[in-house]
């Protein structure tokens, strides 16, 4: 709840990360499988104005994923979207992806 209140009062709250946080993400987040070996369904939801995880890098990684059931869903907004229509687009992407996978 405290975090949600922070975003309500400061929409830029999720646009920066400390150097310590960035180093931790880079050094501590090695995947168990290489992207080229991953075959399970994958949905990537990427805000196009995300300064913490720029879409260029997300798209580059997405292209390496081997899965035949993968989808890239982009929408406007920053790392922590603050507008309702962004969350609606996000929800639509998730819902349609799950429906396709479950068939």
PDB file of N, CA and C in Angstrom:
ATOM      1  N   UNK A   1       0.825  -1.188   0.000  1.00  0.00           N
ATOM      2  CA  UNK A   1       0.000   0.000   0.000  1.00  0.00           C
ATOM      3  C   UNK A   1       0.874   1.259   0.000  1.00  0.00           C
ATOM      4  N   UNK A   2       1.942   1.231   0.774  1.00  0.00           N
ATOM      5  CA  UNK A   2       2.832   2.389   0.836  1.00  0.00           C
ATOM      6  C   UNK A   2       3.437   2.676  -0.535  1.00  0.00           C
ATOM      7  N   UNK A   3       3.813   1.608  -1.251  1.00  0.00           N
ATOM      8  CA  UNK A   3       4.397   1.782  -2.580  1.00  0.00           C
ATOM      9  C   UNK A   3       3.381   2.385  -3.543  1.00  0.00           C
ATOM     10  N   UNK A   4       2.130   1.885  -3.509  1.00  0.00           N
ATOM     11  CA  UNK A   4       1.090   2.438  -4.372  1.00  0.00           C
ATOM     12  C   UNK A   4       0.874   3.916  -4.090  1.00  0.00           C
ATOM     13  N   UNK A   5       0.903   4.304  -2.828  1.00  0.00           N
ATOM     14  CA  UNK A   5       0.749   5.712  -2.472  1.00  0.00           C
ATOM     15  C   UNK A   5       1.914   6.535  -3.005  1.00  0.00           C
ATOM     16  N   UNK A   6       3.106   5.974  -2.976  1.00  0.00           N
ATOM     17  CA  UNK A   6       4.267   6.672  -3.510  1.00  0.00           C
ATOM     18  C   UNK A   6       4.074   6.948  -4.997  1.00  0.00           C
ATOM     19  N   UNK A   7       3.599   5.957  -5.731  1.00  0.00           N
ATOM     20  CA  UNK A   7       3.382   6.146  -7.166  1.00  0.00           C
ATOM     21  C   UNK A   7       2.293   7.174  -7.443  1.00  0.00           C
ATOM     22  N   UNK A   8       1.283   7.224  -6.571  1.00  0.00           N
ATOM     23  CA  UNK A   8       0.216   8.207  -6.760  1.00  0.00           C
ATOM     24  C   UNK A   8       0.740   9.627  -6.594  1.00  0.00           C
ATOM     25  N   UNK A   9       1.664   9.814  -5.662  1.00  0.00           N
ATOM     26  CA  UNK A   9       2.175  11.162  -5.401  1.00  0.00           C
ATOM     27  C   UNK A   9       3.386  11.508  -6.256  1.00  0.00           C
ATOM     28  N   UNK A  10       4.108  10.518  -6.739  1.00  0.00           N
ATOM     29  CA  UNK A  10       5.302  10.776  -7.548  1.00  0.00           C
ATOM     30  C   UNK A  10       5.358   9.797  -8.711  1.00  0.00           C
ATOM     31  N   UNK A  11       4.786  10.158  -9.863  1.00  0.00           N
ATOM     32  CA  UNK A  11       4.775   9.241 -11.001  1.00  0.00           C
ATOM     33  C   UNK A  11       6.161   8.865 -11.505  1.00  0.00           C
ATOM     34  N   UNK A  12       7.192   9.598 -11.124  1.00  0.00           N
ATOM     35  CA  UNK A  12       8.554   9.279 -11.538  1.00  0.00           C
ATOM     36  C   UNK A  12       9.237   8.325 -10.563  1.00  0.00           C
ATOM     37  N   UNK A  13       8.534   7.875  -9.531  1.00  0.00           N
ATOM     38  CA  UNK A  13       9.137   7.047  -8.482  1.00  0.00           C
ATOM     39  C   UNK A  13       9.766   5.773  -9.033  1.00  0.00           C
ATOM     40  N   UNK A  14       9.216   5.209 -10.086  1.00  0.00           N
ATOM     41  CA  UNK A  14       9.750   3.955 -10.611  1.00  0.00           C
ATOM     42  C   UNK A  14      10.637   4.110 -11.824  1.00  0.00           C
ATOM     43  N   UNK A  15      11.136   5.302 -12.087  1.00  0.00           N
ATOM     44  CA  UNK A  15      11.922   5.506 -13.301  1.00  0.00           C
ATOM     45  C   UNK A  15      13.421   5.478 -13.068  1.00  0.00           C
ATOM     46  N   UNK A  16      13.861   5.424 -11.840  1.00  0.00           N
ATOM     47  CA  UNK A  16      15.292   5.417 -11.539  1.00  0.00           C
ATOM     48  C   UNK A  16      15.650   4.218 -10.672  1.00  0.00           C
ATOM     49  N   UNK A  17      16.888   3.803 -10.741  1.00  0.00           N
ATOM     50  CA  UNK A  17      17.374   2.715  -9.902  1.00  0.00           C
ATOM     51  C   UNK A  17      18.774   3.103  -9.431  1.00  0.00           C
ATOM     52  N   UNK A  18      19.089   2.728  -8.215  1.00  0.00           N
ATOM     53  CA  UNK A  18      20.415   3.061  -7.689  1.00  0.00           C
ATOM     54  C   UNK A  18      21.480   2.222  -8.387  1.00  0.00           C
ATOM     55  N   UNK A  19      22.711   2.686  -8.329  1.00  0.00           N
ATOM     56  CA  UNK A  19      23.822   1.933  -8.905  1.00  0.00           C
ATOM     57  C   UNK A  19      23.945   0.575  -8.224  1.00  0.00           C
ATOM     58  N   UNK A  20      23.758   0.540  -6.918  1.00  0.00           N
ATOM     59  CA  UNK A  20      23.813  -0.725  -6.175  1.00  0.00           C
ATOM     60  C   UNK A  20      22.723  -1.681  -6.671  1.00  0.00           C
ATOM     61  N   UNK A  21      21.521  -1.144  -6.885  1.00  0.00           N
ATOM     62  CA  UNK A  21      20.420  -1.970  -7.389  1.00  0.00           C
ATOM     63  C   UNK A  21      20.704  -2.501  -8.784  1.00  0.00           C
ATOM     64  N   UNK A  22      21.251  -1.652  -9.642  1.00  0.00           N
ATOM     65  CA  UNK A  22      21.581  -2.078 -11.007  1.00  0.00           C
ATOM     66  C   UNK A  22      22.662  -3.151 -11.004  1.00  0.00           C
ATOM     67  N   UNK A  23      23.685  -2.966 -10.183  1.00  0.00           N
ATOM     68  CA  UNK A  23      24.763  -3.970 -10.081  1.00  0.00           C
ATOM     69  C   UNK A  23      24.213  -5.301  -9.595  1.00  0.00           C
ATOM     70  N   UNK A  24      23.310  -5.251  -8.633  1.00  0.00           N
ATOM     71  CA  UNK A  24      22.701  -6.468  -8.109  1.00  0.00           C
ATOM     72  C   UNK A  24      21.924  -7.197  -9.205  1.00  0.00           C
ATOM     73  N   UNK A  25      21.149  -6.447  -9.985  1.00  0.00           N
ATOM     74  CA  UNK A  25      20.386  -7.068 -11.071  1.00  0.00           C
ATOM     75  C   UNK A  25      21.295  -7.724 -12.098  1.00  0.00           C
ATOM     76  N   UNK A  26      22.370  -7.062 -12.444  1.00  0.00           N
ATOM     77  CA  UNK A  26      23.288  -7.578 -13.461  1.00  0.00           C
ATOM     78  C   UNK A  26      24.065  -8.789 -12.959  1.00  0.00           C
ATOM     79  N   UNK A  27      24.509  -8.766 -11.724  1.00  0.00           N
ATOM     80  CA  UNK A  27      25.365  -9.842 -11.216  1.00  0.00           C
ATOM     81  C   UNK A  27      24.598 -10.985 -10.573  1.00  0.00           C
ATOM     82  N   UNK A  28      23.363 -10.762 -10.164  1.00  0.00           N
ATOM     83  CA  UNK A  28      22.609 -11.783  -9.437  1.00  0.00           C
ATOM     84  C   UNK A  28      21.508 -12.439 -10.267  1.00  0.00           C
ATOM     85  N   UNK A  29      21.294 -12.011 -11.487  1.00  0.00           N
ATOM     86  CA  UNK A  29      20.123 -12.495 -12.221  1.00  0.00           C
ATOM     87  C   UNK A  29      20.485 -13.325 -13.450  1.00  0.00           C
ATOM     88  N   UNK A  30      21.297 -14.325 -13.274  1.00  0.00           N
ATOM     89  CA  UNK A  30      21.661 -15.220 -14.375  1.00  0.00           C
ATOM     90  C   UNK A  30      20.582 -16.303 -14.501  1.00  0.00           C
ATOM     91  N   UNK A  31      19.989 -16.467 -15.696  1.00  0.00           N
ATOM     92  CA  UNK A  31      18.942 -17.481 -15.859  1.00  0.00           C
ATOM     93  C   UNK A  31      19.502 -18.906 -15.772  1.00  0.00           C
ATOM     94  N   UNK A  32      18.658 -19.839 -15.339  1.00  0.00           N
ATOM     95  CA  UNK A  32      19.064 -21.246 -15.248  1.00  0.00           C
ATOM     96  C   UNK A  32      19.297 -21.852 -16.635  1.00  0.00           C
ATOM     97  N   UNK A  33      18.494 -21.435 -17.602  1.00  0.00           N
ATOM     98  CA  UNK A  33      18.628 -21.906 -18.987  1.00  0.00           C
ATOM     99  C   UNK A  33      18.997 -20.737 -19.888  1.00  0.00           C
ATOM    100  N   UNK A  34      19.747 -21.022 -20.929  1.00  0.00           N
ATOM    101  CA  UNK A  34      20.010 -19.991 -21.929  1.00  0.00           C
ATOM    102  C   UNK A  34      18.694 -19.675 -22.645  1.00  0.00           C
ATOM    103  N   UNK A  35      18.549 -18.458 -23.101  1.00  0.00           N
ATOM    104  CA  UNK A  35      17.321 -18.063 -23.795  1.00  0.00           C
ATOM    105  C   UNK A  35      17.068 -18.960 -25.005  1.00  0.00           C
ATOM    106  N   UNK A  36      18.119 -19.356 -25.685  1.00  0.00           N
ATOM    107  CA  UNK A  36      18.000 -20.202 -26.873  1.00  0.00           C
ATOM    108  C   UNK A  36      17.522 -21.616 -26.546  1.00  0.00           C
ATOM    109  N   UNK A  37      17.538 -21.999 -25.285  1.00  0.00           N
ATOM    110  CA  UNK A  37      17.113 -23.338 -24.871  1.00  0.00           C
ATOM    111  C   UNK A  37      15.720 -23.341 -24.249  1.00  0.00           C
ATOM    112  N   UNK A  38      15.141 -22.182 -24.044  1.00  0.00           N
ATOM    113  CA  UNK A  38      13.865 -22.088 -23.330  1.00  0.00           C
ATOM    114  C   UNK A  38      12.706 -22.353 -24.278  1.00  0.00           C
ATOM    115  N   UNK A  39      11.890 -23.386 -23.974  1.00  0.00           N
ATOM    116  CA  UNK A  39      10.827 -23.814 -24.874  1.00  0.00           C
ATOM    117  C   UNK A  39       9.422 -23.624 -24.322  1.00  0.00           C
ATOM    118  N   UNK A  40       9.277 -23.196 -23.093  1.00  0.00           N
ATOM    119  CA  UNK A  40       7.940 -23.012 -22.507  1.00  0.00           C
ATOM    120  C   UNK A  40       7.309 -21.728 -23.039  1.00  0.00           C
ATOM    121  N   UNK A  41       5.969 -21.593 -22.915  1.00  0.00           N
ATOM    122  CA  UNK A  41       5.308 -20.367 -23.374  1.00  0.00           C
ATOM    123  C   UNK A  41       5.848 -19.128 -22.653  1.00  0.00           C
ATOM    124  N   UNK A  42       6.004 -18.050 -23.411  1.00  0.00           N
ATOM    125  CA  UNK A  42       6.558 -16.810 -22.862  1.00  0.00           C
ATOM    126  C   UNK A  42       5.729 -15.620 -23.348  1.00  0.00           C
ATOM    127  N   UNK A  43       5.305 -14.798 -22.414  1.00  0.00           N
ATOM    128  CA  UNK A  43       4.658 -13.530 -22.735  1.00  0.00           C
ATOM    129  C   UNK A  43       5.498 -12.419 -22.129  1.00  0.00           C
ATOM    130  N   UNK A  44       5.916 -11.489 -22.953  1.00  0.00           N
ATOM    131  CA  UNK A  44       6.660 -10.323 -22.477  1.00  0.00           C
ATOM    132  C   UNK A  44       5.753  -9.109 -22.638  1.00  0.00           C
ATOM    133  N   UNK A  45       5.500  -8.418 -21.547  1.00  0.00           N
ATOM    134  CA  UNK A  45       4.721  -7.174 -21.564  1.00  0.00           C
ATOM    135  C   UNK A  45       5.691  -6.033 -21.298  1.00  0.00           C
ATOM    136  N   UNK A  46       5.888  -5.185 -22.289  1.00  0.00           N
ATOM    137  CA  UNK A  46       6.932  -4.161 -22.218  1.00  0.00           C
ATOM    138  C   UNK A  46       6.379  -2.764 -22.452  1.00  0.00           C
ATOM    139  N   UNK A  47       6.468  -1.899 -21.442  1.00  0.00           N
ATOM    140  CA  UNK A  47       6.144  -0.495 -21.686  1.00  0.00           C
ATOM    141  C   UNK A  47       7.238   0.133 -22.555  1.00  0.00           C
ATOM    142  N   UNK A  48       6.847   0.824 -23.600  1.00  0.00           N
ATOM    143  CA  UNK A  48       7.817   1.348 -24.563  1.00  0.00           C
ATOM    144  C   UNK A  48       8.624   2.543 -24.055  1.00  0.00           C
ATOM    145  N   UNK A  49       8.196   3.160 -22.971  1.00  0.00           N
ATOM    146  CA  UNK A  49       8.934   4.312 -22.433  1.00  0.00           C
ATOM    147  C   UNK A  49       9.613   3.955 -21.118  1.00  0.00           C
ATOM    148  N   UNK A  50       9.957   2.699 -20.964  1.00  0.00           N
ATOM    149  CA  UNK A  50      10.594   2.185 -19.753  1.00  0.00           C
ATOM    150  C   UNK A  50      12.081   2.526 -19.787  1.00  0.00           C
ATOM    151  N   UNK A  51      12.505   3.407 -18.892  1.00  0.00           N
ATOM    152  CA  UNK A  51      13.920   3.790 -18.846  1.00  0.00           C
ATOM    153  C   UNK A  51      14.746   2.807 -18.019  1.00  0.00           C
ATOM    154  N   UNK A  52      14.082   2.029 -17.149  1.00  0.00           N
ATOM    155  CA  UNK A  52      14.812   1.055 -16.332  1.00  0.00           C
ATOM    156  C   UNK A  52      15.145  -0.193 -17.137  1.00  0.00           C
ATOM    157  N   UNK A  53      14.228  -0.617 -17.992  1.00  0.00           N
ATOM    158  CA  UNK A  53      14.434  -1.768 -18.865  1.00  0.00           C
ATOM    159  C   UNK A  53      14.027  -1.339 -20.274  1.00  0.00           C
ATOM    160  N   UNK A  54      14.900  -0.681 -21.003  1.00  0.00           N
ATOM    161  CA  UNK A  54      14.546  -0.187 -22.339  1.00  0.00           C
ATOM    162  C   UNK A  54      14.093  -1.314 -23.272  1.00  0.00           C
ATOM    163  N   UNK A  55      13.090  -1.014 -24.087  1.00  0.00           N
ATOM    164  CA  UNK A  55      12.520  -2.033 -24.968  1.00  0.00           C
ATOM    165  C   UNK A  55      13.547  -2.601 -25.945  1.00  0.00           C
ATOM    166  N   UNK A  56      14.559  -1.840 -26.299  1.00  0.00           N
ATOM    167  CA  UNK A  56      15.604  -2.351 -27.197  1.00  0.00           C
ATOM    168  C   UNK A  56      16.193  -3.649 -26.642  1.00  0.00           C
ATOM    169  N   UNK A  57      16.517  -3.663 -25.359  1.00  0.00           N
ATOM    170  CA  UNK A  57      17.133  -4.841 -24.739  1.00  0.00           C
ATOM    171  C   UNK A  57      16.123  -5.967 -24.553  1.00  0.00           C
ATOM    172  N   UNK A  58      14.891  -5.603 -24.225  1.00  0.00           N
ATOM    173  CA  UNK A  58      13.851  -6.616 -24.066  1.00  0.00           C
ATOM    174  C   UNK A  58      13.594  -7.315 -25.397  1.00  0.00           C
ATOM    175  N   UNK A  59      13.502  -6.550 -26.475  1.00  0.00           N
ATOM    176  CA  UNK A  59      13.271  -7.130 -27.805  1.00  0.00           C
ATOM    177  C   UNK A  59      14.447  -7.999 -28.239  1.00  0.00           C
ATOM    178  N   UNK A  60      15.638  -7.564 -27.926  1.00  0.00           N
ATOM    179  CA  UNK A  60      16.841  -8.333 -28.268  1.00  0.00           C
ATOM    180  C   UNK A  60      16.820  -9.695 -27.567  1.00  0.00           C
ATOM    181  N   UNK A  61      16.493  -9.695 -26.290  1.00  0.00           N
ATOM    182  CA  UNK A  61      16.406 -10.942 -25.528  1.00  0.00           C
ATOM    183  C   UNK A  61      15.241 -11.790 -26.016  1.00  0.00           C
ATOM    184  N   UNK A  62      14.095 -11.164 -26.269  1.00  0.00           N
ATOM    185  CA  UNK A  62      12.914 -11.875 -26.746  1.00  0.00           C
ATOM    186  C   UNK A  62      13.222 -12.635 -28.036  1.00  0.00           C
ATOM    187  N   UNK A  63      13.991 -12.033 -28.915  1.00  0.00           N
ATOM    188  CA  UNK A  63      14.355 -12.679 -30.173  1.00  0.00           C
ATOM    189  C   UNK A  63      15.176 -13.945 -29.995  1.00  0.00           C
ATOM    190  N   UNK A  64      15.849 -14.077 -28.875  1.00  0.00           N
ATOM    191  CA  UNK A  64      16.678 -15.256 -28.609  1.00  0.00           C
ATOM    192  C   UNK A  64      15.877 -16.433 -28.049  1.00  0.00           C
ATOM    193  N   UNK A  65      14.688 -16.177 -27.536  1.00  0.00           N
ATOM    194  CA  UNK A  65      13.903 -17.229 -26.881  1.00  0.00           C
ATOM    195  C   UNK A  65      13.430 -18.241 -27.915  1.00  0.00           C
ATOM    196  N   UNK A  66      13.677 -19.513 -27.637  1.00  0.00           N
ATOM    197  CA  UNK A  66      13.385 -20.588 -28.583  1.00  0.00           C
ATOM    198  C   UNK A  66      11.899 -20.930 -28.667  1.00  0.00           C
ATOM    199  N   UNK A  67      11.150 -20.695 -27.634  1.00  0.00           N
ATOM    200  CA  UNK A  67       9.752 -21.109 -27.557  1.00  0.00           C
ATOM    201  C   UNK A  67       8.967 -20.774 -28.825  1.00  0.00           C
ATOM    202  N   UNK A  68       8.160 -21.735 -29.272  1.00  0.00           N
ATOM    203  CA  UNK A  68       7.288 -21.488 -30.423  1.00  0.00           C
ATOM    204  C   UNK A  68       6.016 -20.766 -29.984  1.00  0.00           C
ATOM    205  N   UNK A  69       5.779 -20.736 -28.678  1.00  0.00           N
ATOM    206  CA  UNK A  69       4.610 -20.050 -28.124  1.00  0.00           C
ATOM    207  C   UNK A  69       5.099 -18.831 -27.345  1.00  0.00           C
ATOM    208  N   UNK A  70       5.450 -17.801 -28.083  1.00  0.00           N
ATOM    209  CA  UNK A  70       5.918 -16.585 -27.430  1.00  0.00           C
ATOM    210  C   UNK A  70       5.242 -15.386 -28.071  1.00  0.00           C
ATOM    211  N   UNK A  71       5.052 -14.363 -27.259  1.00  0.00           N
ATOM    212  CA  UNK A  71       4.399 -13.152 -27.744  1.00  0.00           C
ATOM    213  C   UNK A  71       4.990 -11.942 -27.039  1.00  0.00           C
ATOM    214  N   UNK A  72       5.144 -10.874 -27.791  1.00  0.00           N
ATOM    215  CA  UNK A  72       5.668  -9.610 -27.268  1.00  0.00           C
ATOM    216  C   UNK A  72       4.534  -8.599 -27.310  1.00  0.00           C
ATOM    217  N   UNK A  73       4.166  -8.088 -26.164  1.00  0.00           N
ATOM    218  CA  UNK A  73       3.078  -7.115 -26.054  1.00  0.00           C
ATOM    219  C   UNK A  73       3.660  -5.788 -25.584  1.00  0.00           C
ATOM    220  N   UNK A  74       3.546  -4.770 -26.411  1.00  0.00           N
ATOM    221  CA  UNK A  74       4.068  -3.461 -26.016  1.00  0.00           C
ATOM    222  C   UNK A  74       2.916  -2.485 -25.810  1.00  0.00           C
ATOM    223  N   UNK A  75       3.154  -1.519 -24.964  1.00  0.00           N
ATOM    224  CA  UNK A  75       2.158  -0.487 -24.691  1.00  0.00           C
ATOM    225  C   UNK A  75       2.875   0.757 -24.203  1.00  0.00           C
ATOM    226  N   UNK A  76       2.167   1.866 -24.192  1.00  0.00           N
ATOM    227  CA  UNK A  76       2.784   3.116 -23.744  1.00  0.00           C
ATOM    228  C   UNK A  76       2.951   3.092 -22.230  1.00  0.00           C
ATOM    229  N   UNK A  77       3.825   3.934 -21.744  1.00  0.00           N
ATOM    230  CA  UNK A  77       4.019   4.033 -20.301  1.00  0.00           C
ATOM    231  C   UNK A  77       5.452   3.769 -19.903  1.00  0.00           C
ATOM    232  N   UNK A  78       5.715   4.036 -18.637  1.00  0.00           N
ATOM    233  CA  UNK A  78       7.043   3.840 -18.066  1.00  0.00           C
ATOM    234  C   UNK A  78       7.108   2.494 -17.349  1.00  0.00           C
ATOM    235  N   UNK A  79       8.181   2.267 -16.605  1.00  0.00           N
ATOM    236  CA  UNK A  79       8.399   0.995 -15.917  1.00  0.00           C
ATOM    237  C   UNK A  79       7.223   0.639 -15.005  1.00  0.00           C
ATOM    238  N   UNK A  80       6.720   1.616 -14.284  1.00  0.00           N
ATOM    239  CA  UNK A  80       5.534   1.436 -13.453  1.00  0.00           C
ATOM    240  C   UNK A  80       4.431   2.306 -14.039  1.00  0.00           C
ATOM    241  N   UNK A  81       3.630   1.749 -14.964  1.00  0.00           N
ATOM    242  CA  UNK A  81       2.574   2.546 -15.593  1.00  0.00           C
ATOM    243  C   UNK A  81       1.613   3.111 -14.541  1.00  0.00           C
ATOM    244  N   UNK A  82       1.108   4.298 -14.806  1.00  0.00           N
ATOM    245  CA  UNK A  82       0.207   4.949 -13.853  1.00  0.00           C
ATOM    246  C   UNK A  82      -1.173   5.215 -14.435  1.00  0.00           C
ATOM    247  N   UNK A  83      -1.394   4.873 -15.695  1.00  0.00           N
ATOM    248  CA  UNK A  83      -2.683   5.153 -16.318  1.00  0.00           C
ATOM    249  C   UNK A  83      -3.498   3.874 -16.479  1.00  0.00           C
ATOM    250  N   UNK A  84      -4.797   3.995 -16.238  1.00  0.00           N
ATOM    251  CA  UNK A  84      -5.692   2.839 -16.265  1.00  0.00           C
ATOM    252  C   UNK A  84      -5.694   2.135 -17.623  1.00  0.00           C
ATOM    253  N   UNK A  85      -5.697   2.903 -18.720  1.00  0.00           N
ATOM    254  CA  UNK A  85      -5.745   2.262 -20.045  1.00  0.00           C
ATOM    255  C   UNK A  85      -4.512   1.394 -20.298  1.00  0.00           C
ATOM    256  N   UNK A  86      -3.396   1.737 -19.669  1.00  0.00           N
ATOM    257  CA  UNK A  86      -2.189   0.919 -19.815  1.00  0.00           C
ATOM    258  C   UNK A  86      -2.398  -0.438 -19.158  1.00  0.00           C
ATOM    259  N   UNK A  87      -2.986  -0.445 -17.969  1.00  0.00           N
ATOM    260  CA  UNK A  87      -3.256  -1.707 -17.282  1.00  0.00           C
ATOM    261  C   UNK A  87      -4.316  -2.521 -18.012  1.00  0.00           C
ATOM    262  N   UNK A  88      -5.261  -1.852 -18.647  1.00  0.00           N
ATOM    263  CA  UNK A  88      -6.269  -2.568 -19.432  1.00  0.00           C
ATOM    264  C   UNK A  88      -5.619  -3.260 -20.631  1.00  0.00           C
ATOM    265  N   UNK A  89      -4.721  -2.576 -21.308  1.00  0.00           N
ATOM    266  CA  UNK A  89      -3.992  -3.171 -22.442  1.00  0.00           C
ATOM    267  C   UNK A  89      -3.165  -4.360 -21.963  1.00  0.00           C
ATOM    268  N   UNK A  90      -2.508  -4.189 -20.831  1.00  0.00           N
ATOM    269  CA  UNK A  90      -1.700  -5.244 -20.225  1.00  0.00           C
ATOM    270  C   UNK A  90      -2.583  -6.461 -19.946  1.00  0.00           C
ATOM    271  N   UNK A  91      -3.732  -6.222 -19.326  1.00  0.00           N
ATOM    272  CA  UNK A  91      -4.654  -7.316 -18.996  1.00  0.00           C
ATOM    273  C   UNK A  91      -5.152  -8.020 -20.256  1.00  0.00           C
ATOM    274  N   UNK A  92      -5.445  -7.265 -21.303  1.00  0.00           N
ATOM    275  CA  UNK A  92      -5.891  -7.858 -22.568  1.00  0.00           C
ATOM    276  C   UNK A  92      -4.809  -8.759 -23.159  1.00  0.00           C
ATOM    277  N   UNK A  93      -3.573  -8.315 -23.098  1.00  0.00           N
ATOM    278  CA  UNK A  93      -2.452  -9.119 -23.607  1.00  0.00           C
ATOM    279  C   UNK A  93      -2.339 -10.438 -22.848  1.00  0.00           C
ATOM    280  N   UNK A  94      -2.403 -10.357 -21.533  1.00  0.00           N
ATOM    281  CA  UNK A  94      -2.284 -11.560 -20.700  1.00  0.00           C
ATOM    282  C   UNK A  94      -3.454 -12.499 -20.964  1.00  0.00           C
ATOM    283  N   UNK A  95      -4.663 -11.961 -20.995  1.00  0.00           N
ATOM    284  CA  UNK A  95      -5.857 -12.773 -21.198  1.00  0.00           C
ATOM    285  C   UNK A  95      -5.821 -13.490 -22.548  1.00  0.00           C
ATOM    286  N   UNK A  96      -5.515 -12.769 -23.615  1.00  0.00           N
ATOM    287  CA  UNK A  96      -5.501 -13.402 -24.941  1.00  0.00           C
ATOM    288  C   UNK A  96      -4.372 -14.422 -25.069  1.00  0.00           C
ATOM    289  N   UNK A  97      -3.229 -14.159 -24.445  1.00  0.00           N
ATOM    290  CA  UNK A  97      -2.114 -15.104 -24.482  1.00  0.00           C
ATOM    291  C   UNK A  97      -2.503 -16.411 -23.783  1.00  0.00           C
ATOM    292  N   UNK A  98      -3.087 -16.303 -22.604  1.00  0.00           N
ATOM    293  CA  UNK A  98      -3.490 -17.502 -21.857  1.00  0.00           C
ATOM    294  C   UNK A  98      -4.519 -18.293 -22.653  1.00  0.00           C
ATOM    295  N   UNK A  99      -5.477 -17.621 -23.254  1.00  0.00           N
ATOM    296  CA  UNK A  99      -6.504 -18.314 -24.043  1.00  0.00           C
ATOM    297  C   UNK A  99      -5.884 -19.060 -25.226  1.00  0.00           C
ATOM    298  N   UNK A 100      -4.893 -18.487 -25.870  1.00  0.00           N
ATOM    299  CA  UNK A 100      -4.228 -19.168 -26.994  1.00  0.00           C
ATOM    300  C   UNK A 100      -3.416 -20.368 -26.519  1.00  0.00           C
ATOM    301  N   UNK A 101      -2.773 -20.234 -25.384  1.00  0.00           N
ATOM    302  CA  UNK A 101      -1.924 -21.311 -24.858  1.00  0.00           C
ATOM    303  C   UNK A 101      -2.762 -22.488 -24.376  1.00  0.00           C
ATOM    304  N   UNK A 102      -3.904 -22.205 -23.781  1.00  0.00           N
ATOM    305  CA  UNK A 102      -4.734 -23.255 -23.179  1.00  0.00           C
ATOM    306  C   UNK A 102      -5.473 -24.075 -24.234  1.00  0.00           C
ATOM    307  N   UNK A 103      -5.669 -23.534 -25.431  1.00  0.00           N
ATOM    308  CA  UNK A 103      -6.408 -24.259 -26.491  1.00  0.00           C
ATOM    309  C   UNK A 103      -5.860 -25.628 -26.739  1.00  0.00           C
TER     310      UNK A 103
END
